[in-house]
């Protein structure tokens, strides 16, 4: 299974691709790529959204994932920030849909719990565990890329658990 994780943001939208061989006796996570779409504050909202869309489409076509995993919107006291984040999420979901991919959404607590074992873990703990689980010397930069990998790992863990329950 190959999963494309997306960490939506208004300045950086992180992405990461993780693969696991489900047929192996002990499935092992494999890091394929990670990075971030850097958005310029000078560009209009429409141009930033178009950039996220086109770059995510290109990456999804390149890496051919079976699934896309995205973080759910969390409650924000700043409605304007939440709306902007929602726009980026919508564009990321549209990119996935236009590539024929299903999108799974996970709450921040679920992602942290899946990766660290504690839903209220600090960002640094998540980055550390992403590097450990993927056998990397250090967590990818920027932090949004590491977060996207965490989202992909979360989906893989949930899918593996669901498969064990089905058996």
N, C-alpha and C. Protein backbone atom coordinates (compact mmCIF):
# COMPACT_ATOMS: atom_id res chain seq x y z
N UNK A 1 0.85 -1.17 0.00
CA UNK A 1 0.00 0.00 0.00
C UNK A 1 0.90 1.24 0.00
N UNK A 2 0.57 2.18 -0.87
CA UNK A 2 1.30 3.45 -0.95
C UNK A 2 0.33 4.57 -0.61
N UNK A 3 0.71 5.39 0.37
CA UNK A 3 -0.17 6.46 0.85
C UNK A 3 0.51 7.82 0.68
N UNK A 4 -0.26 8.76 0.17
CA UNK A 4 0.19 10.14 -0.03
C UNK A 4 -0.44 10.97 1.08
N UNK A 5 0.37 11.46 2.01
CA UNK A 5 -0.12 12.28 3.11
C UNK A 5 -0.01 13.76 2.76
N UNK A 6 -1.02 14.54 3.17
CA UNK A 6 -1.02 15.98 2.92
C UNK A 6 -1.29 16.72 4.23
N UNK A 7 -0.40 17.66 4.54
CA UNK A 7 -0.58 18.55 5.70
C UNK A 7 -0.87 19.93 5.13
N UNK A 8 -2.14 20.28 5.10
CA UNK A 8 -2.56 21.54 4.48
C UNK A 8 -2.15 22.74 5.33
N UNK A 9 -1.67 23.77 4.66
CA UNK A 9 -1.29 25.00 5.33
C UNK A 9 -1.40 26.16 4.36
N UNK A 10 -1.43 27.36 4.90
CA UNK A 10 -1.58 28.54 4.05
C UNK A 10 -0.23 29.12 3.62
N UNK A 11 0.85 28.69 4.28
CA UNK A 11 2.18 29.13 3.89
C UNK A 11 2.96 27.99 3.23
N UNK A 12 2.90 26.82 3.86
CA UNK A 12 3.49 25.60 3.32
C UNK A 12 2.42 24.52 3.37
N UNK A 13 2.27 23.77 2.29
CA UNK A 13 1.43 22.59 2.31
C UNK A 13 2.36 21.40 2.16
N UNK A 14 2.48 20.64 3.24
CA UNK A 14 3.40 19.51 3.24
C UNK A 14 2.82 18.30 2.55
N UNK A 15 3.72 17.48 2.00
CA UNK A 15 3.31 16.21 1.40
C UNK A 15 4.36 15.17 1.74
N UNK A 16 3.93 13.94 1.79
CA UNK A 16 4.85 12.84 2.05
C UNK A 16 4.25 11.54 1.55
N UNK A 17 5.10 10.68 1.02
CA UNK A 17 4.65 9.40 0.49
C UNK A 17 5.35 8.28 1.27
N UNK A 18 4.52 7.38 1.79
CA UNK A 18 5.01 6.24 2.57
C UNK A 18 4.40 4.98 1.97
N UNK A 19 5.19 3.93 1.97
CA UNK A 19 4.73 2.66 1.41
C UNK A 19 4.94 1.57 2.45
N UNK A 20 4.08 0.58 2.41
CA UNK A 20 4.24 -0.59 3.27
C UNK A 20 3.89 -1.82 2.43
N UNK A 21 4.68 -2.87 2.60
CA UNK A 21 4.41 -4.12 1.91
C UNK A 21 3.49 -4.94 2.81
N UNK A 22 2.21 -4.96 2.46
CA UNK A 22 1.22 -5.66 3.28
C UNK A 22 1.40 -7.17 3.26
N UNK A 23 2.08 -7.69 2.23
CA UNK A 23 2.23 -9.13 2.14
C UNK A 23 3.39 -9.65 2.99
N UNK A 24 4.26 -8.77 3.43
CA UNK A 24 5.40 -9.19 4.25
C UNK A 24 4.91 -9.71 5.60
N UNK A 25 5.67 -10.63 6.16
CA UNK A 25 5.29 -11.19 7.45
C UNK A 25 5.25 -10.10 8.52
N UNK A 26 6.27 -9.28 8.55
CA UNK A 26 6.27 -8.11 9.43
C UNK A 26 6.35 -6.89 8.53
N UNK A 27 5.20 -6.26 8.28
CA UNK A 27 5.19 -5.09 7.39
C UNK A 27 6.11 -3.99 7.89
N UNK A 28 6.87 -3.43 6.95
CA UNK A 28 7.83 -2.38 7.28
C UNK A 28 7.50 -1.14 6.47
N UNK A 29 7.50 0.00 7.16
CA UNK A 29 7.24 1.27 6.48
C UNK A 29 8.46 1.66 5.66
N UNK A 30 8.19 2.25 4.48
CA UNK A 30 9.28 2.71 3.62
C UNK A 30 9.02 4.14 3.18
N UNK A 31 9.96 5.00 3.46
CA UNK A 31 9.90 6.41 3.06
C UNK A 31 10.19 6.52 1.56
N UNK A 32 9.32 7.25 0.84
CA UNK A 32 9.56 7.47 -0.59
C UNK A 32 9.92 8.92 -0.90
N UNK A 33 9.16 9.86 -0.36
CA UNK A 33 9.49 11.27 -0.59
C UNK A 33 8.73 12.15 0.39
N UNK A 34 9.20 13.37 0.53
CA UNK A 34 8.51 14.36 1.35
C UNK A 34 9.00 15.74 0.94
N UNK A 35 8.14 16.71 1.13
CA UNK A 35 8.50 18.09 0.80
C UNK A 35 7.32 18.99 1.12
N UNK A 36 7.38 20.19 0.58
CA UNK A 36 6.29 21.14 0.82
C UNK A 36 6.13 22.06 -0.38
N UNK A 37 4.89 22.41 -0.63
CA UNK A 37 4.57 23.43 -1.62
C UNK A 37 4.67 24.76 -0.88
N UNK A 38 5.62 25.60 -1.27
CA UNK A 38 5.80 26.91 -0.62
C UNK A 38 4.92 27.92 -1.32
N UNK A 39 4.09 28.59 -0.55
CA UNK A 39 3.15 29.56 -1.11
C UNK A 39 3.60 30.97 -0.77
N UNK A 40 3.52 31.85 -1.75
CA UNK A 40 3.93 33.23 -1.56
C UNK A 40 2.75 34.08 -1.10
N UNK A 41 2.97 34.86 -0.06
CA UNK A 41 1.92 35.75 0.43
C UNK A 41 1.63 36.86 -0.58
N UNK A 42 2.55 37.07 -1.51
CA UNK A 42 2.37 38.11 -2.53
C UNK A 42 1.32 37.70 -3.56
N UNK A 43 1.15 36.39 -3.74
CA UNK A 43 0.18 35.90 -4.73
C UNK A 43 -1.24 36.00 -4.20
N UNK A 44 -2.18 36.09 -5.11
CA UNK A 44 -3.60 36.12 -4.72
C UNK A 44 -3.99 34.74 -4.17
N UNK A 45 -5.08 34.71 -3.44
CA UNK A 45 -5.58 33.44 -2.91
C UNK A 45 -5.81 32.45 -4.04
N UNK A 46 -6.41 32.91 -5.13
CA UNK A 46 -6.69 32.03 -6.27
C UNK A 46 -5.40 31.44 -6.83
N UNK A 47 -4.36 32.24 -6.94
CA UNK A 47 -3.08 31.75 -7.48
C UNK A 47 -2.43 30.75 -6.53
N UNK A 48 -2.52 31.00 -5.22
CA UNK A 48 -1.95 30.06 -4.25
C UNK A 48 -2.69 28.72 -4.31
N UNK A 49 -4.01 28.77 -4.40
CA UNK A 49 -4.79 27.53 -4.48
C UNK A 49 -4.48 26.78 -5.77
N UNK A 50 -4.33 27.51 -6.86
CA UNK A 50 -3.99 26.88 -8.15
C UNK A 50 -2.62 26.22 -8.06
N UNK A 51 -1.68 26.85 -7.36
CA UNK A 51 -0.34 26.28 -7.21
C UNK A 51 -0.40 24.99 -6.40
N UNK A 52 -1.13 24.99 -5.29
CA UNK A 52 -1.27 23.78 -4.48
C UNK A 52 -1.87 22.67 -5.34
N UNK A 53 -2.94 22.99 -6.05
CA UNK A 53 -3.62 21.99 -6.88
C UNK A 53 -2.67 21.39 -7.92
N UNK A 54 -2.01 22.25 -8.69
CA UNK A 54 -1.18 21.75 -9.79
C UNK A 54 0.02 20.95 -9.27
N UNK A 55 0.63 21.40 -8.17
CA UNK A 55 1.78 20.66 -7.64
C UNK A 55 1.36 19.32 -7.03
N UNK A 56 0.22 19.30 -6.33
CA UNK A 56 -0.24 18.04 -5.76
C UNK A 56 -0.65 17.05 -6.85
N UNK A 57 -1.32 17.54 -7.88
CA UNK A 57 -1.69 16.66 -9.01
C UNK A 57 -0.43 16.03 -9.60
N UNK A 58 0.58 16.85 -9.88
CA UNK A 58 1.82 16.35 -10.47
C UNK A 58 2.49 15.30 -9.57
N UNK A 59 2.52 15.57 -8.27
CA UNK A 59 3.13 14.63 -7.33
C UNK A 59 2.33 13.33 -7.23
N UNK A 60 1.02 13.43 -7.20
CA UNK A 60 0.18 12.22 -7.13
C UNK A 60 0.35 11.39 -8.39
N UNK A 61 0.45 12.04 -9.53
CA UNK A 61 0.65 11.30 -10.78
C UNK A 61 2.03 10.65 -10.82
N UNK A 62 3.02 11.33 -10.26
CA UNK A 62 4.38 10.79 -10.23
C UNK A 62 4.49 9.58 -9.30
N UNK A 63 3.94 9.69 -8.09
CA UNK A 63 4.12 8.65 -7.08
C UNK A 63 3.04 7.57 -7.09
N UNK A 64 1.95 7.78 -7.80
CA UNK A 64 0.90 6.76 -7.96
C UNK A 64 0.46 6.11 -6.64
N UNK A 65 0.01 6.91 -5.67
CA UNK A 65 -0.45 6.31 -4.41
C UNK A 65 -1.79 5.59 -4.61
N UNK A 66 -2.12 4.75 -3.65
CA UNK A 66 -3.42 4.08 -3.67
C UNK A 66 -4.45 4.87 -2.86
N UNK A 67 -3.95 5.78 -2.05
CA UNK A 67 -4.81 6.49 -1.10
C UNK A 67 -4.18 7.83 -0.75
N UNK A 68 -5.02 8.80 -0.40
CA UNK A 68 -4.55 10.09 0.10
C UNK A 68 -5.10 10.26 1.51
N UNK A 69 -4.26 10.71 2.42
CA UNK A 69 -4.68 10.96 3.80
C UNK A 69 -4.43 12.42 4.14
N UNK A 70 -5.43 13.05 4.74
CA UNK A 70 -5.39 14.48 5.06
C UNK A 70 -5.85 14.68 6.50
N UNK A 71 -5.26 15.67 7.15
CA UNK A 71 -5.68 16.00 8.51
C UNK A 71 -7.02 16.72 8.47
N UNK A 72 -7.91 16.35 9.40
CA UNK A 72 -9.20 17.04 9.51
C UNK A 72 -8.98 18.46 10.01
N UNK A 73 -9.94 19.32 9.72
CA UNK A 73 -9.87 20.68 10.23
C UNK A 73 -10.08 20.63 11.73
N UNK A 74 -9.23 21.32 12.46
CA UNK A 74 -9.39 21.40 13.90
C UNK A 74 -10.08 22.72 14.22
N UNK A 75 -10.67 22.80 15.39
CA UNK A 75 -11.36 24.01 15.80
C UNK A 75 -10.36 25.15 15.91
N UNK A 76 -10.72 26.27 15.35
CA UNK A 76 -9.85 27.45 15.42
C UNK A 76 -10.65 28.64 15.91
N UNK A 77 -10.07 29.39 16.81
CA UNK A 77 -10.73 30.60 17.31
C UNK A 77 -10.75 31.68 16.24
N UNK A 78 -9.83 31.58 15.27
CA UNK A 78 -9.75 32.55 14.20
C UNK A 78 -10.48 32.00 12.97
N UNK A 79 -11.69 32.48 12.74
CA UNK A 79 -12.52 31.98 11.65
C UNK A 79 -11.87 32.20 10.29
N UNK A 80 -11.20 33.32 10.11
CA UNK A 80 -10.57 33.63 8.83
C UNK A 80 -9.46 32.61 8.51
N UNK A 81 -8.66 32.26 9.51
CA UNK A 81 -7.60 31.27 9.32
C UNK A 81 -8.19 29.90 9.00
N UNK A 82 -9.24 29.53 9.71
CA UNK A 82 -9.90 28.24 9.47
C UNK A 82 -10.47 28.18 8.06
N UNK A 83 -11.04 29.28 7.59
CA UNK A 83 -11.60 29.32 6.24
C UNK A 83 -10.50 29.15 5.20
N UNK A 84 -9.37 29.84 5.37
CA UNK A 84 -8.26 29.72 4.43
C UNK A 84 -7.72 28.29 4.40
N UNK A 85 -7.59 27.69 5.58
CA UNK A 85 -7.13 26.31 5.66
C UNK A 85 -8.11 25.38 4.98
N UNK A 86 -9.40 25.64 5.16
CA UNK A 86 -10.43 24.83 4.50
C UNK A 86 -10.35 24.91 2.99
N UNK A 87 -9.99 26.08 2.47
CA UNK A 87 -9.84 26.22 1.02
C UNK A 87 -8.69 25.35 0.51
N UNK A 88 -7.58 25.34 1.22
CA UNK A 88 -6.44 24.52 0.82
C UNK A 88 -6.81 23.04 0.90
N UNK A 89 -7.51 22.65 1.95
CA UNK A 89 -7.95 21.25 2.09
C UNK A 89 -8.85 20.85 0.93
N UNK A 90 -9.77 21.75 0.57
CA UNK A 90 -10.68 21.46 -0.54
C UNK A 90 -9.93 21.24 -1.84
N UNK A 91 -8.93 22.06 -2.09
CA UNK A 91 -8.13 21.93 -3.30
C UNK A 91 -7.33 20.62 -3.27
N UNK A 92 -6.78 20.26 -2.11
CA UNK A 92 -6.04 19.00 -1.99
C UNK A 92 -6.96 17.81 -2.23
N UNK A 93 -8.18 17.88 -1.70
CA UNK A 93 -9.14 16.79 -1.90
C UNK A 93 -9.58 16.72 -3.36
N UNK A 94 -9.73 17.86 -4.00
CA UNK A 94 -10.08 17.89 -5.42
C UNK A 94 -8.97 17.28 -6.25
N UNK A 95 -7.72 17.59 -5.93
CA UNK A 95 -6.59 17.01 -6.65
C UNK A 95 -6.63 15.48 -6.54
N UNK A 96 -6.87 14.98 -5.33
CA UNK A 96 -6.95 13.54 -5.12
C UNK A 96 -8.10 12.94 -5.93
N UNK A 97 -9.26 13.56 -5.86
CA UNK A 97 -10.44 13.06 -6.58
C UNK A 97 -10.18 13.04 -8.09
N UNK A 98 -9.53 14.08 -8.59
CA UNK A 98 -9.25 14.13 -10.03
C UNK A 98 -8.18 13.14 -10.46
N UNK A 99 -7.45 12.59 -9.51
CA UNK A 99 -6.50 11.52 -9.79
C UNK A 99 -7.14 10.15 -9.54
N UNK A 100 -8.44 10.15 -9.21
CA UNK A 100 -9.16 8.90 -8.97
C UNK A 100 -8.84 8.27 -7.63
N UNK A 101 -8.40 9.07 -6.67
CA UNK A 101 -7.98 8.54 -5.37
C UNK A 101 -9.00 8.83 -4.28
N UNK A 102 -9.13 7.92 -3.35
CA UNK A 102 -9.98 8.10 -2.19
C UNK A 102 -9.20 8.88 -1.14
N UNK A 103 -9.91 9.72 -0.39
CA UNK A 103 -9.29 10.52 0.66
C UNK A 103 -9.77 10.04 2.02
N UNK A 104 -8.83 9.81 2.92
CA UNK A 104 -9.14 9.49 4.31
C UNK A 104 -8.75 10.70 5.15
N UNK A 105 -9.59 11.04 6.11
CA UNK A 105 -9.33 12.20 6.97
C UNK A 105 -9.13 11.72 8.40
N UNK A 106 -8.15 12.33 9.07
CA UNK A 106 -7.83 11.96 10.44
C UNK A 106 -7.71 13.19 11.32
N UNK A 107 -8.22 13.07 12.54
CA UNK A 107 -8.12 14.15 13.52
C UNK A 107 -6.67 14.25 14.01
N UNK A 108 -6.24 15.45 14.37
CA UNK A 108 -4.87 15.61 14.88
C UNK A 108 -4.55 14.67 16.05
N UNK A 109 -5.50 14.46 16.96
CA UNK A 109 -5.26 13.56 18.09
C UNK A 109 -5.02 12.12 17.62
N UNK A 110 -5.76 11.71 16.60
CA UNK A 110 -5.61 10.37 16.06
C UNK A 110 -4.24 10.19 15.40
N UNK A 111 -3.81 11.22 14.68
CA UNK A 111 -2.50 11.16 14.01
C UNK A 111 -1.39 11.04 15.04
N UNK A 112 -1.42 11.90 16.04
CA UNK A 112 -0.39 11.87 17.08
C UNK A 112 -0.41 10.54 17.84
N UNK A 113 -1.60 10.05 18.13
CA UNK A 113 -1.73 8.79 18.85
C UNK A 113 -1.17 7.63 18.03
N UNK A 114 -1.43 7.63 16.73
CA UNK A 114 -0.94 6.56 15.85
C UNK A 114 0.58 6.57 15.72
N UNK A 115 1.16 7.75 15.70
CA UNK A 115 2.59 7.87 15.45
C UNK A 115 3.42 7.85 16.73
N UNK A 116 2.93 8.54 17.76
CA UNK A 116 3.69 8.68 19.00
C UNK A 116 3.15 7.79 20.12
N UNK A 117 1.85 7.50 20.07
CA UNK A 117 1.22 6.74 21.14
C UNK A 117 0.56 7.63 22.17
N UNK A 118 0.56 8.93 21.90
CA UNK A 118 -0.03 9.91 22.82
C UNK A 118 -0.64 11.03 21.99
N UNK A 119 -1.95 11.21 22.11
CA UNK A 119 -2.68 12.17 21.29
C UNK A 119 -2.34 13.62 21.52
N UNK A 120 -1.74 13.93 22.66
CA UNK A 120 -1.38 15.33 22.95
C UNK A 120 0.12 15.56 22.82
N UNK A 121 0.79 14.71 22.04
CA UNK A 121 2.24 14.82 21.86
C UNK A 121 2.62 16.16 21.23
N UNK A 122 3.80 16.62 21.57
CA UNK A 122 4.34 17.86 20.99
C UNK A 122 4.78 17.61 19.55
N UNK A 123 4.82 18.66 18.78
CA UNK A 123 5.23 18.58 17.37
C UNK A 123 6.61 17.92 17.23
N UNK A 124 7.52 18.24 18.15
CA UNK A 124 8.87 17.67 18.11
C UNK A 124 8.85 16.15 18.33
N UNK A 125 7.94 15.68 19.18
CA UNK A 125 7.83 14.24 19.41
C UNK A 125 7.33 13.53 18.16
N UNK A 126 6.39 14.16 17.46
CA UNK A 126 5.87 13.58 16.21
C UNK A 126 7.00 13.50 15.19
N UNK A 127 7.76 14.58 15.04
CA UNK A 127 8.86 14.60 14.07
C UNK A 127 9.91 13.54 14.41
N UNK A 128 10.22 13.40 15.69
CA UNK A 128 11.19 12.39 16.12
C UNK A 128 10.72 10.99 15.75
N UNK A 129 9.45 10.69 16.05
CA UNK A 129 8.92 9.35 15.77
C UNK A 129 8.79 9.08 14.27
N UNK A 130 8.46 10.10 13.49
CA UNK A 130 8.41 9.93 12.03
C UNK A 130 9.79 9.48 11.54
N UNK A 131 10.83 10.17 12.00
CA UNK A 131 12.20 9.80 11.60
C UNK A 131 12.54 8.38 12.05
N UNK A 132 12.15 8.01 13.27
CA UNK A 132 12.44 6.65 13.77
C UNK A 132 11.70 5.59 12.98
N UNK A 133 10.39 5.80 12.79
CA UNK A 133 9.58 4.80 12.09
C UNK A 133 10.01 4.59 10.65
N UNK A 134 10.51 5.67 10.02
CA UNK A 134 10.92 5.58 8.61
C UNK A 134 12.43 5.38 8.46
N UNK A 135 13.11 5.20 9.60
CA UNK A 135 14.56 4.97 9.62
C UNK A 135 15.33 6.07 8.90
N UNK A 136 14.97 7.31 9.21
CA UNK A 136 15.65 8.48 8.64
C UNK A 136 16.61 9.04 9.69
N UNK A 137 17.69 9.67 9.25
CA UNK A 137 18.64 10.27 10.18
C UNK A 137 18.01 11.42 10.95
N UNK A 138 17.13 12.16 10.28
CA UNK A 138 16.40 13.25 10.92
C UNK A 138 15.07 13.44 10.22
N UNK A 139 14.17 14.13 10.87
CA UNK A 139 12.85 14.38 10.28
C UNK A 139 13.00 15.32 9.09
N UNK A 140 12.22 15.08 8.04
CA UNK A 140 12.27 15.97 6.88
C UNK A 140 11.90 17.40 7.25
N UNK A 141 12.44 18.32 6.51
CA UNK A 141 12.13 19.74 6.68
C UNK A 141 11.38 20.22 5.44
N UNK A 142 10.50 21.18 5.56
CA UNK A 142 10.03 21.82 6.77
C UNK A 142 9.16 20.85 7.59
N UNK A 143 8.73 21.31 8.75
CA UNK A 143 7.93 20.49 9.65
C UNK A 143 6.65 20.00 8.98
N UNK A 144 6.13 20.76 8.02
CA UNK A 144 4.91 20.36 7.32
C UNK A 144 5.12 19.05 6.55
N UNK A 145 6.33 18.82 6.04
CA UNK A 145 6.64 17.58 5.34
C UNK A 145 6.62 16.41 6.31
N UNK A 146 7.21 16.59 7.49
CA UNK A 146 7.19 15.54 8.51
C UNK A 146 5.75 15.27 8.97
N UNK A 147 4.95 16.32 9.09
CA UNK A 147 3.55 16.15 9.48
C UNK A 147 2.78 15.36 8.42
N UNK A 148 3.07 15.62 7.15
CA UNK A 148 2.40 14.88 6.07
C UNK A 148 2.77 13.40 6.13
N UNK A 149 4.02 13.10 6.44
CA UNK A 149 4.43 11.71 6.60
C UNK A 149 3.71 11.07 7.78
N UNK A 150 3.54 11.83 8.87
CA UNK A 150 2.81 11.32 10.04
C UNK A 150 1.37 10.99 9.67
N UNK A 151 0.76 11.81 8.84
CA UNK A 151 -0.62 11.57 8.41
C UNK A 151 -0.68 10.29 7.57
N UNK A 152 0.29 10.10 6.69
CA UNK A 152 0.34 8.87 5.87
C UNK A 152 0.55 7.65 6.76
N UNK A 153 1.45 7.74 7.72
CA UNK A 153 1.70 6.63 8.65
C UNK A 153 0.43 6.31 9.45
N UNK A 154 -0.27 7.34 9.88
CA UNK A 154 -1.53 7.15 10.61
C UNK A 154 -2.50 6.33 9.77
N UNK A 155 -2.63 6.67 8.49
CA UNK A 155 -3.56 5.92 7.64
C UNK A 155 -3.12 4.46 7.52
N UNK A 156 -1.84 4.24 7.34
CA UNK A 156 -1.35 2.87 7.21
C UNK A 156 -1.66 2.08 8.48
N UNK A 157 -1.43 2.67 9.64
CA UNK A 157 -1.73 1.99 10.91
C UNK A 157 -3.23 1.67 11.02
N UNK A 158 -4.08 2.64 10.66
CA UNK A 158 -5.52 2.41 10.71
C UNK A 158 -5.94 1.31 9.73
N UNK A 159 -5.37 1.32 8.53
CA UNK A 159 -5.71 0.31 7.53
C UNK A 159 -5.27 -1.08 7.99
N UNK A 160 -4.08 -1.17 8.58
CA UNK A 160 -3.59 -2.46 9.08
C UNK A 160 -4.48 -2.99 10.20
N UNK A 161 -4.90 -2.10 11.09
CA UNK A 161 -5.78 -2.51 12.19
C UNK A 161 -7.12 -2.99 11.64
N UNK A 162 -7.67 -2.25 10.69
CA UNK A 162 -8.95 -2.64 10.09
C UNK A 162 -8.84 -4.00 9.41
N UNK A 163 -7.71 -4.26 8.76
CA UNK A 163 -7.49 -5.54 8.09
C UNK A 163 -7.40 -6.68 9.10
N UNK A 164 -6.74 -6.45 10.23
CA UNK A 164 -6.64 -7.48 11.27
C UNK A 164 -8.02 -7.79 11.85
N UNK A 165 -8.85 -6.78 12.01
CA UNK A 165 -10.20 -6.97 12.54
C UNK A 165 -11.04 -7.78 11.55
N UNK A 166 -10.87 -7.53 10.26
CA UNK A 166 -11.62 -8.25 9.23
C UNK A 166 -11.29 -9.73 9.21
N UNK A 167 -10.06 -10.08 9.53
CA UNK A 167 -9.63 -11.49 9.49
C UNK A 167 -10.27 -12.21 10.59
